[in-house]
């Protein structure tokens, strides 16, 4: 879980890069990473590992923000494996899925989108200020 926290702390990462690195961590954490694929849906955005396909060997969990479902995380195996606690998945994998979805909920949804909107407004304002400054400089030079 430390890697996931570190991924979230990197300021210059886009949300897409963060979520894709989270998917890589999920894949590496399951018992058969070479045949594991993952899909994360958050609002209208969907993030998938390159090899993603829905198979009969899947486990998933919804992502909730208060009482509202904001997405889901689904893990699939691309091949049949022996039956464990939850199909081919162990109780530890299910618990890991629960922890990861809780963590993603804290970092996702409206909270991050609100922060990004604020950041975009600041950047937009900065661009406007730069343009005004440039116009002032140009008008001063042209006088």
N, C-alpha and C. Protein backbone atom coordinates (compact mmCIF):
# COMPACT_ATOMS: atom_id res chain seq x y z
N UNK A 1 0.81 -1.20 0.00
CA UNK A 1 0.00 0.00 0.00
C UNK A 1 0.86 1.26 0.00
N UNK A 2 2.08 1.16 0.43
CA UNK A 2 2.98 2.30 0.44
C UNK A 2 3.17 2.86 -0.96
N UNK A 3 3.28 1.99 -1.95
CA UNK A 3 3.47 2.47 -3.32
C UNK A 3 2.29 3.30 -3.78
N UNK A 4 1.08 2.89 -3.42
CA UNK A 4 -0.12 3.61 -3.82
C UNK A 4 -0.12 4.99 -3.18
N UNK A 5 0.26 5.09 -1.92
CA UNK A 5 0.35 6.37 -1.25
C UNK A 5 1.39 7.25 -1.93
N UNK A 6 2.53 6.68 -2.23
CA UNK A 6 3.59 7.43 -2.90
C UNK A 6 3.11 7.94 -4.26
N UNK A 7 2.39 7.10 -4.98
CA UNK A 7 1.87 7.51 -6.29
C UNK A 7 0.95 8.72 -6.14
N UNK A 8 0.13 8.73 -5.11
CA UNK A 8 -0.80 9.84 -4.89
C UNK A 8 -0.12 11.11 -4.46
N UNK A 9 1.06 11.00 -3.87
CA UNK A 9 1.77 12.16 -3.36
C UNK A 9 2.57 12.88 -4.44
N UNK A 10 2.73 12.30 -5.60
CA UNK A 10 3.51 12.94 -6.65
C UNK A 10 2.69 14.04 -7.30
N UNK A 11 3.13 15.27 -7.10
CA UNK A 11 2.37 16.44 -7.52
C UNK A 11 2.18 16.53 -9.02
N UNK A 12 3.20 16.17 -9.78
CA UNK A 12 3.13 16.37 -11.22
C UNK A 12 2.49 15.21 -11.96
N UNK A 13 1.86 14.31 -11.28
CA UNK A 13 1.15 13.20 -11.93
C UNK A 13 -0.27 13.63 -12.26
N UNK A 14 -0.72 13.22 -13.43
CA UNK A 14 -2.12 13.46 -13.78
C UNK A 14 -2.97 12.42 -13.06
N UNK A 15 -4.26 12.68 -12.99
CA UNK A 15 -5.17 11.69 -12.39
C UNK A 15 -5.10 10.38 -13.15
N UNK A 16 -5.05 10.45 -14.47
CA UNK A 16 -4.98 9.23 -15.26
C UNK A 16 -3.73 8.42 -14.92
N UNK A 17 -2.60 9.09 -14.81
CA UNK A 17 -1.36 8.39 -14.44
C UNK A 17 -1.46 7.78 -13.05
N UNK A 18 -2.08 8.50 -12.13
CA UNK A 18 -2.24 7.98 -10.78
C UNK A 18 -3.11 6.72 -10.80
N UNK A 19 -4.25 6.79 -11.46
CA UNK A 19 -5.16 5.64 -11.49
C UNK A 19 -4.53 4.45 -12.21
N UNK A 20 -3.81 4.72 -13.29
CA UNK A 20 -3.15 3.62 -14.00
C UNK A 20 -2.08 2.97 -13.13
N UNK A 21 -1.35 3.76 -12.35
CA UNK A 21 -0.36 3.16 -11.45
C UNK A 21 -1.06 2.37 -10.35
N UNK A 22 -2.23 2.82 -9.92
CA UNK A 22 -3.00 2.04 -8.94
C UNK A 22 -3.41 0.69 -9.53
N UNK A 23 -3.79 0.67 -10.80
CA UNK A 23 -4.16 -0.60 -11.45
C UNK A 23 -2.96 -1.53 -11.51
N UNK A 24 -1.78 -0.99 -11.81
CA UNK A 24 -0.57 -1.81 -11.84
C UNK A 24 -0.30 -2.44 -10.47
N UNK A 25 -0.54 -1.68 -9.42
CA UNK A 25 -0.34 -2.19 -8.07
C UNK A 25 -1.34 -3.31 -7.77
N UNK A 26 -2.58 -3.13 -8.20
CA UNK A 26 -3.59 -4.19 -8.00
C UNK A 26 -3.15 -5.46 -8.70
N UNK A 27 -2.75 -5.34 -9.96
CA UNK A 27 -2.32 -6.51 -10.73
C UNK A 27 -1.19 -7.23 -10.00
N UNK A 28 -0.18 -6.48 -9.57
CA UNK A 28 0.98 -7.08 -8.91
C UNK A 28 0.63 -7.72 -7.57
N UNK A 29 -0.48 -7.30 -6.97
CA UNK A 29 -0.84 -7.79 -5.64
C UNK A 29 -1.65 -9.08 -5.65
N UNK A 30 -2.17 -9.45 -6.80
CA UNK A 30 -2.98 -10.67 -6.85
C UNK A 30 -2.10 -11.88 -7.11
N UNK A 31 -2.63 -13.07 -6.77
CA UNK A 31 -1.80 -14.28 -6.78
C UNK A 31 -1.33 -14.71 -8.17
N UNK A 32 -2.01 -14.28 -9.22
CA UNK A 32 -1.60 -14.63 -10.58
C UNK A 32 -1.47 -13.35 -11.41
N UNK A 33 -0.47 -12.52 -11.15
CA UNK A 33 -0.38 -11.23 -11.85
C UNK A 33 -0.25 -11.35 -13.36
N UNK A 34 0.32 -12.45 -13.84
CA UNK A 34 0.49 -12.60 -15.29
C UNK A 34 -0.83 -12.81 -16.03
N UNK A 35 -1.88 -13.20 -15.31
CA UNK A 35 -3.19 -13.37 -15.97
C UNK A 35 -4.27 -12.51 -15.31
N UNK A 36 -3.84 -11.45 -14.63
CA UNK A 36 -4.78 -10.56 -13.95
C UNK A 36 -4.98 -9.30 -14.79
N UNK A 37 -6.23 -8.87 -14.90
CA UNK A 37 -6.54 -7.60 -15.55
C UNK A 37 -7.54 -6.85 -14.68
N UNK A 38 -7.55 -5.52 -14.83
CA UNK A 38 -8.32 -4.68 -13.92
C UNK A 38 -9.03 -3.58 -14.69
N UNK A 39 -10.23 -3.24 -14.21
CA UNK A 39 -10.96 -2.09 -14.73
C UNK A 39 -11.41 -1.25 -13.54
N UNK A 40 -11.19 0.07 -13.65
CA UNK A 40 -11.62 1.03 -12.65
C UNK A 40 -12.52 2.04 -13.34
N UNK A 41 -13.73 2.19 -12.81
CA UNK A 41 -14.65 3.19 -13.34
C UNK A 41 -14.91 4.21 -12.25
N UNK A 42 -14.70 5.48 -12.60
CA UNK A 42 -14.96 6.60 -11.69
C UNK A 42 -15.78 7.63 -12.45
N UNK A 43 -17.03 7.75 -12.08
CA UNK A 43 -17.90 8.66 -12.82
C UNK A 43 -17.98 8.24 -14.27
N UNK A 44 -17.65 9.16 -15.17
CA UNK A 44 -17.68 8.87 -16.60
C UNK A 44 -16.36 8.30 -17.12
N UNK A 45 -15.33 8.32 -16.28
CA UNK A 45 -14.00 7.87 -16.69
C UNK A 45 -13.81 6.37 -16.42
N UNK A 46 -13.19 5.68 -17.37
CA UNK A 46 -12.89 4.26 -17.21
C UNK A 46 -11.40 4.06 -17.48
N UNK A 47 -10.74 3.37 -16.56
CA UNK A 47 -9.32 3.05 -16.68
C UNK A 47 -9.18 1.54 -16.69
N UNK A 48 -8.39 1.02 -17.63
CA UNK A 48 -8.23 -0.43 -17.77
C UNK A 48 -6.77 -0.78 -18.01
N UNK A 49 -6.40 -1.97 -17.54
CA UNK A 49 -5.12 -2.50 -17.95
C UNK A 49 -5.22 -2.85 -19.43
N UNK A 50 -4.10 -2.88 -20.11
CA UNK A 50 -4.12 -3.13 -21.57
C UNK A 50 -4.76 -4.45 -21.94
N UNK A 51 -4.61 -5.44 -21.08
CA UNK A 51 -5.13 -6.78 -21.38
C UNK A 51 -6.54 -7.00 -20.85
N UNK A 52 -7.24 -5.92 -20.47
CA UNK A 52 -8.53 -6.11 -19.79
C UNK A 52 -9.57 -6.76 -20.68
N UNK A 53 -10.25 -7.73 -20.09
CA UNK A 53 -11.47 -8.30 -20.66
C UNK A 53 -12.26 -8.93 -19.53
N UNK A 54 -13.56 -8.81 -19.62
CA UNK A 54 -14.42 -9.41 -18.61
C UNK A 54 -14.44 -10.91 -18.84
N UNK A 55 -14.20 -11.67 -17.78
CA UNK A 55 -14.19 -13.12 -17.86
C UNK A 55 -15.11 -13.67 -16.77
N UNK A 56 -15.37 -14.96 -16.78
CA UNK A 56 -16.18 -15.55 -15.71
C UNK A 56 -15.48 -15.52 -14.35
N UNK A 57 -14.16 -15.30 -14.34
CA UNK A 57 -13.37 -15.34 -13.11
C UNK A 57 -13.08 -13.91 -12.67
N UNK A 58 -14.06 -13.30 -12.00
CA UNK A 58 -13.95 -11.89 -11.65
C UNK A 58 -14.41 -11.65 -10.22
N UNK A 59 -13.89 -10.56 -9.68
CA UNK A 59 -14.29 -10.09 -8.36
C UNK A 59 -14.29 -8.57 -8.44
N UNK A 60 -15.24 -7.94 -7.78
CA UNK A 60 -15.33 -6.49 -7.88
C UNK A 60 -15.94 -5.87 -6.64
N UNK A 61 -15.88 -4.57 -6.62
CA UNK A 61 -16.44 -3.82 -5.50
C UNK A 61 -16.78 -2.42 -5.97
N UNK A 62 -17.93 -1.93 -5.49
CA UNK A 62 -18.34 -0.57 -5.82
C UNK A 62 -17.56 0.45 -5.03
N UNK A 63 -17.42 1.64 -5.60
CA UNK A 63 -16.79 2.77 -4.91
C UNK A 63 -17.90 3.72 -4.50
N UNK A 64 -17.99 3.98 -3.21
CA UNK A 64 -19.07 4.80 -2.68
C UNK A 64 -18.52 6.12 -2.14
N UNK A 65 -19.26 7.19 -2.39
CA UNK A 65 -18.98 8.50 -1.81
C UNK A 65 -20.24 8.86 -1.03
N UNK A 66 -20.14 8.77 0.28
CA UNK A 66 -21.30 8.85 1.17
C UNK A 66 -22.24 7.70 0.80
N UNK A 67 -23.45 8.00 0.38
CA UNK A 67 -24.39 6.93 0.01
C UNK A 67 -24.54 6.80 -1.49
N UNK A 68 -23.64 7.37 -2.24
CA UNK A 68 -23.75 7.42 -3.70
C UNK A 68 -22.63 6.61 -4.33
N UNK A 69 -23.00 5.73 -5.25
CA UNK A 69 -21.99 4.95 -5.96
C UNK A 69 -21.35 5.82 -7.03
N UNK A 70 -20.01 5.92 -6.96
CA UNK A 70 -19.29 6.77 -7.92
C UNK A 70 -18.49 5.95 -8.92
N UNK A 71 -18.49 4.63 -8.75
CA UNK A 71 -17.75 3.79 -9.68
C UNK A 71 -17.55 2.40 -9.12
N UNK A 72 -16.59 1.68 -9.69
CA UNK A 72 -16.29 0.32 -9.23
C UNK A 72 -14.87 -0.05 -9.62
N UNK A 73 -14.38 -1.09 -8.97
CA UNK A 73 -13.10 -1.69 -9.31
C UNK A 73 -13.36 -3.17 -9.54
N UNK A 74 -12.98 -3.68 -10.71
CA UNK A 74 -13.19 -5.09 -11.05
C UNK A 74 -11.85 -5.72 -11.43
N UNK A 75 -11.61 -6.89 -10.86
CA UNK A 75 -10.41 -7.66 -11.17
C UNK A 75 -10.85 -8.96 -11.81
N UNK A 76 -10.24 -9.33 -12.93
CA UNK A 76 -10.57 -10.57 -13.63
C UNK A 76 -9.29 -11.39 -13.84
N UNK A 77 -9.45 -12.69 -13.80
CA UNK A 77 -8.38 -13.59 -14.24
C UNK A 77 -8.70 -13.98 -15.68
N UNK A 78 -7.69 -14.06 -16.49
CA UNK A 78 -7.88 -14.39 -17.90
C UNK A 78 -7.94 -15.90 -18.15
N UNK A 79 -7.66 -16.68 -17.11
CA UNK A 79 -7.72 -18.14 -17.20
C UNK A 79 -8.40 -18.68 -15.95
N UNK A 80 -8.98 -19.83 -16.10
CA UNK A 80 -9.58 -20.49 -14.95
C UNK A 80 -8.48 -20.98 -14.00
N UNK A 81 -8.72 -20.80 -12.71
CA UNK A 81 -7.80 -21.26 -11.66
C UNK A 81 -8.61 -22.04 -10.63
N UNK A 82 -7.94 -22.82 -9.78
CA UNK A 82 -8.67 -23.60 -8.78
C UNK A 82 -9.53 -22.70 -7.88
N UNK A 83 -10.64 -23.27 -7.43
CA UNK A 83 -11.57 -22.54 -6.58
C UNK A 83 -10.93 -22.34 -5.20
N UNK A 84 -11.03 -21.10 -4.70
CA UNK A 84 -10.53 -20.72 -3.37
C UNK A 84 -11.72 -20.27 -2.54
N UNK A 85 -11.60 -19.14 -1.88
CA UNK A 85 -12.67 -18.62 -1.03
C UNK A 85 -13.80 -17.95 -1.82
N UNK A 86 -13.43 -17.21 -2.86
CA UNK A 86 -14.40 -16.48 -3.69
C UNK A 86 -14.08 -16.79 -5.15
N UNK A 87 -14.53 -17.93 -5.62
CA UNK A 87 -14.14 -18.38 -6.95
C UNK A 87 -12.65 -18.67 -6.89
N UNK A 88 -11.89 -18.14 -7.85
CA UNK A 88 -10.44 -18.37 -7.80
C UNK A 88 -9.70 -17.39 -6.88
N UNK A 89 -10.43 -16.51 -6.21
CA UNK A 89 -9.82 -15.47 -5.39
C UNK A 89 -9.82 -15.86 -3.91
N UNK A 90 -8.77 -15.45 -3.23
CA UNK A 90 -8.64 -15.75 -1.80
C UNK A 90 -9.33 -14.66 -0.97
N UNK A 91 -9.55 -14.95 0.30
CA UNK A 91 -10.14 -13.93 1.19
C UNK A 91 -9.18 -12.75 1.34
N UNK A 92 -7.87 -13.01 1.28
CA UNK A 92 -6.89 -11.93 1.35
C UNK A 92 -7.01 -10.99 0.15
N UNK A 93 -7.25 -11.56 -1.02
CA UNK A 93 -7.43 -10.73 -2.22
C UNK A 93 -8.71 -9.90 -2.11
N UNK A 94 -9.76 -10.50 -1.57
CA UNK A 94 -11.00 -9.75 -1.39
C UNK A 94 -10.77 -8.61 -0.40
N UNK A 95 -10.06 -8.90 0.71
CA UNK A 95 -9.77 -7.86 1.69
C UNK A 95 -8.91 -6.75 1.08
N UNK A 96 -7.97 -7.12 0.24
CA UNK A 96 -7.13 -6.14 -0.45
C UNK A 96 -7.99 -5.26 -1.35
N UNK A 97 -8.92 -5.87 -2.06
CA UNK A 97 -9.83 -5.13 -2.93
C UNK A 97 -10.65 -4.12 -2.12
N UNK A 98 -11.11 -4.54 -0.95
CA UNK A 98 -11.87 -3.65 -0.07
C UNK A 98 -11.01 -2.46 0.36
N UNK A 99 -9.78 -2.75 0.79
CA UNK A 99 -8.88 -1.67 1.23
C UNK A 99 -8.56 -0.70 0.09
N UNK A 100 -8.28 -1.23 -1.08
CA UNK A 100 -7.93 -0.38 -2.22
C UNK A 100 -9.12 0.50 -2.62
N UNK A 101 -10.32 -0.08 -2.65
CA UNK A 101 -11.48 0.73 -3.04
C UNK A 101 -11.77 1.81 -2.00
N UNK A 102 -11.58 1.50 -0.73
CA UNK A 102 -11.75 2.54 0.30
C UNK A 102 -10.74 3.66 0.11
N UNK A 103 -9.50 3.29 -0.18
CA UNK A 103 -8.45 4.28 -0.40
C UNK A 103 -8.75 5.13 -1.63
N UNK A 104 -9.15 4.48 -2.71
CA UNK A 104 -9.48 5.22 -3.93
C UNK A 104 -10.65 6.16 -3.70
N UNK A 105 -11.62 5.75 -2.91
CA UNK A 105 -12.76 6.63 -2.61
C UNK A 105 -12.31 7.89 -1.90
N UNK A 106 -11.35 7.75 -1.01
CA UNK A 106 -10.85 8.92 -0.30
C UNK A 106 -10.15 9.88 -1.26
N UNK A 107 -9.49 9.34 -2.26
CA UNK A 107 -8.73 10.18 -3.19
C UNK A 107 -9.54 10.59 -4.42
N UNK A 108 -10.68 9.99 -4.60
CA UNK A 108 -11.41 10.15 -5.86
C UNK A 108 -12.65 11.01 -5.70
N UNK A 109 -13.45 10.90 -6.72
CA UNK A 109 -14.76 11.53 -6.70
C UNK A 109 -14.69 13.03 -6.71
N UNK A 110 -15.64 13.61 -6.05
CA UNK A 110 -15.82 15.05 -6.08
C UNK A 110 -14.67 15.80 -5.45
N UNK A 111 -14.04 15.23 -4.43
CA UNK A 111 -12.97 15.94 -3.73
C UNK A 111 -11.82 16.27 -4.68
N UNK A 112 -11.35 15.30 -5.41
CA UNK A 112 -10.24 15.54 -6.34
C UNK A 112 -10.70 16.42 -7.49
N UNK A 113 -11.89 16.16 -8.00
CA UNK A 113 -12.39 16.96 -9.11
C UNK A 113 -12.54 18.43 -8.69
N UNK A 114 -13.01 18.66 -7.46
CA UNK A 114 -13.11 20.04 -6.97
C UNK A 114 -11.74 20.69 -6.90
N UNK A 115 -10.75 19.95 -6.39
CA UNK A 115 -9.40 20.50 -6.29
C UNK A 115 -8.83 20.78 -7.69
N UNK A 116 -9.09 19.89 -8.63
CA UNK A 116 -8.61 20.12 -10.00
C UNK A 116 -9.28 21.34 -10.62
N UNK A 117 -10.59 21.50 -10.37
CA UNK A 117 -11.30 22.67 -10.89
C UNK A 117 -10.70 23.95 -10.32
N UNK A 118 -10.39 23.95 -9.01
CA UNK A 118 -9.77 25.12 -8.40
C UNK A 118 -8.42 25.39 -9.03
N UNK A 119 -7.64 24.35 -9.24
CA UNK A 119 -6.32 24.49 -9.84
C UNK A 119 -6.44 25.05 -11.26
N UNK A 120 -7.40 24.53 -12.03
CA UNK A 120 -7.60 25.02 -13.39
C UNK A 120 -7.98 26.49 -13.39
N UNK A 121 -8.81 26.90 -12.42
CA UNK A 121 -9.18 28.32 -12.31
C UNK A 121 -7.97 29.19 -12.03
N UNK A 122 -7.10 28.71 -11.13
CA UNK A 122 -5.87 29.46 -10.81
C UNK A 122 -5.00 29.59 -12.05
N UNK A 123 -4.83 28.49 -12.77
CA UNK A 123 -4.01 28.51 -13.99
C UNK A 123 -4.64 29.44 -15.01
N UNK A 124 -5.94 29.36 -15.17
CA UNK A 124 -6.64 30.22 -16.13
C UNK A 124 -6.45 31.69 -15.75
N UNK A 125 -6.57 32.00 -14.46
CA UNK A 125 -6.36 33.38 -14.00
C UNK A 125 -4.93 33.82 -14.27
N UNK A 126 -3.98 32.92 -14.03
CA UNK A 126 -2.58 33.25 -14.27
C UNK A 126 -2.35 33.55 -15.74
N UNK A 127 -2.98 32.76 -16.63
CA UNK A 127 -2.82 33.01 -18.06
C UNK A 127 -3.40 34.37 -18.43
N UNK A 128 -4.53 34.72 -17.84
CA UNK A 128 -5.15 36.01 -18.10
C UNK A 128 -4.23 37.14 -17.63
N UNK A 129 -3.66 36.97 -16.44
CA UNK A 129 -2.74 37.99 -15.92
C UNK A 129 -1.51 38.13 -16.80
N UNK A 130 -1.00 37.04 -17.29
CA UNK A 130 0.16 37.07 -18.19
C UNK A 130 -0.20 37.84 -19.46
N UNK A 131 -1.39 37.56 -20.01
CA UNK A 131 -1.82 38.25 -21.23
C UNK A 131 -1.95 39.75 -20.98
N UNK A 132 -2.54 40.14 -19.86
CA UNK A 132 -2.70 41.56 -19.53
C UNK A 132 -1.33 42.22 -19.40
N UNK A 133 -0.43 41.54 -18.70
CA UNK A 133 0.93 42.07 -18.53
C UNK A 133 1.62 42.24 -19.87
N UNK A 134 1.48 41.24 -20.74
CA UNK A 134 2.08 41.32 -22.08
C UNK A 134 1.50 42.49 -22.86
N UNK A 135 0.18 42.70 -22.78
CA UNK A 135 -0.45 43.82 -23.49
C UNK A 135 0.06 45.16 -22.96
N UNK A 136 0.23 45.26 -21.64
CA UNK A 136 0.75 46.49 -21.04
C UNK A 136 2.17 46.76 -21.53
N UNK A 137 3.00 45.71 -21.54
CA UNK A 137 4.38 45.86 -22.00
C UNK A 137 4.42 46.26 -23.47
N UNK A 138 3.62 45.62 -24.29
CA UNK A 138 3.58 45.93 -25.72
C UNK A 138 3.10 47.35 -25.94
N UNK A 139 2.07 47.76 -25.22
CA UNK A 139 1.55 49.13 -25.42
C UNK A 139 2.56 50.17 -24.94
N UNK A 140 3.34 49.84 -23.90
CA UNK A 140 4.37 50.75 -23.42
C UNK A 140 5.50 50.88 -24.46
N UNK A 141 5.87 49.78 -25.05
CA UNK A 141 6.94 49.78 -26.05
C UNK A 141 6.51 50.54 -27.30
N UNK A 142 5.24 50.37 -27.67
CA UNK A 142 4.75 50.99 -28.90
C UNK A 142 4.52 52.49 -28.76
N UNK A 143 4.48 53.03 -27.55
CA UNK A 143 4.24 54.46 -27.38
C UNK A 143 5.38 55.29 -27.72
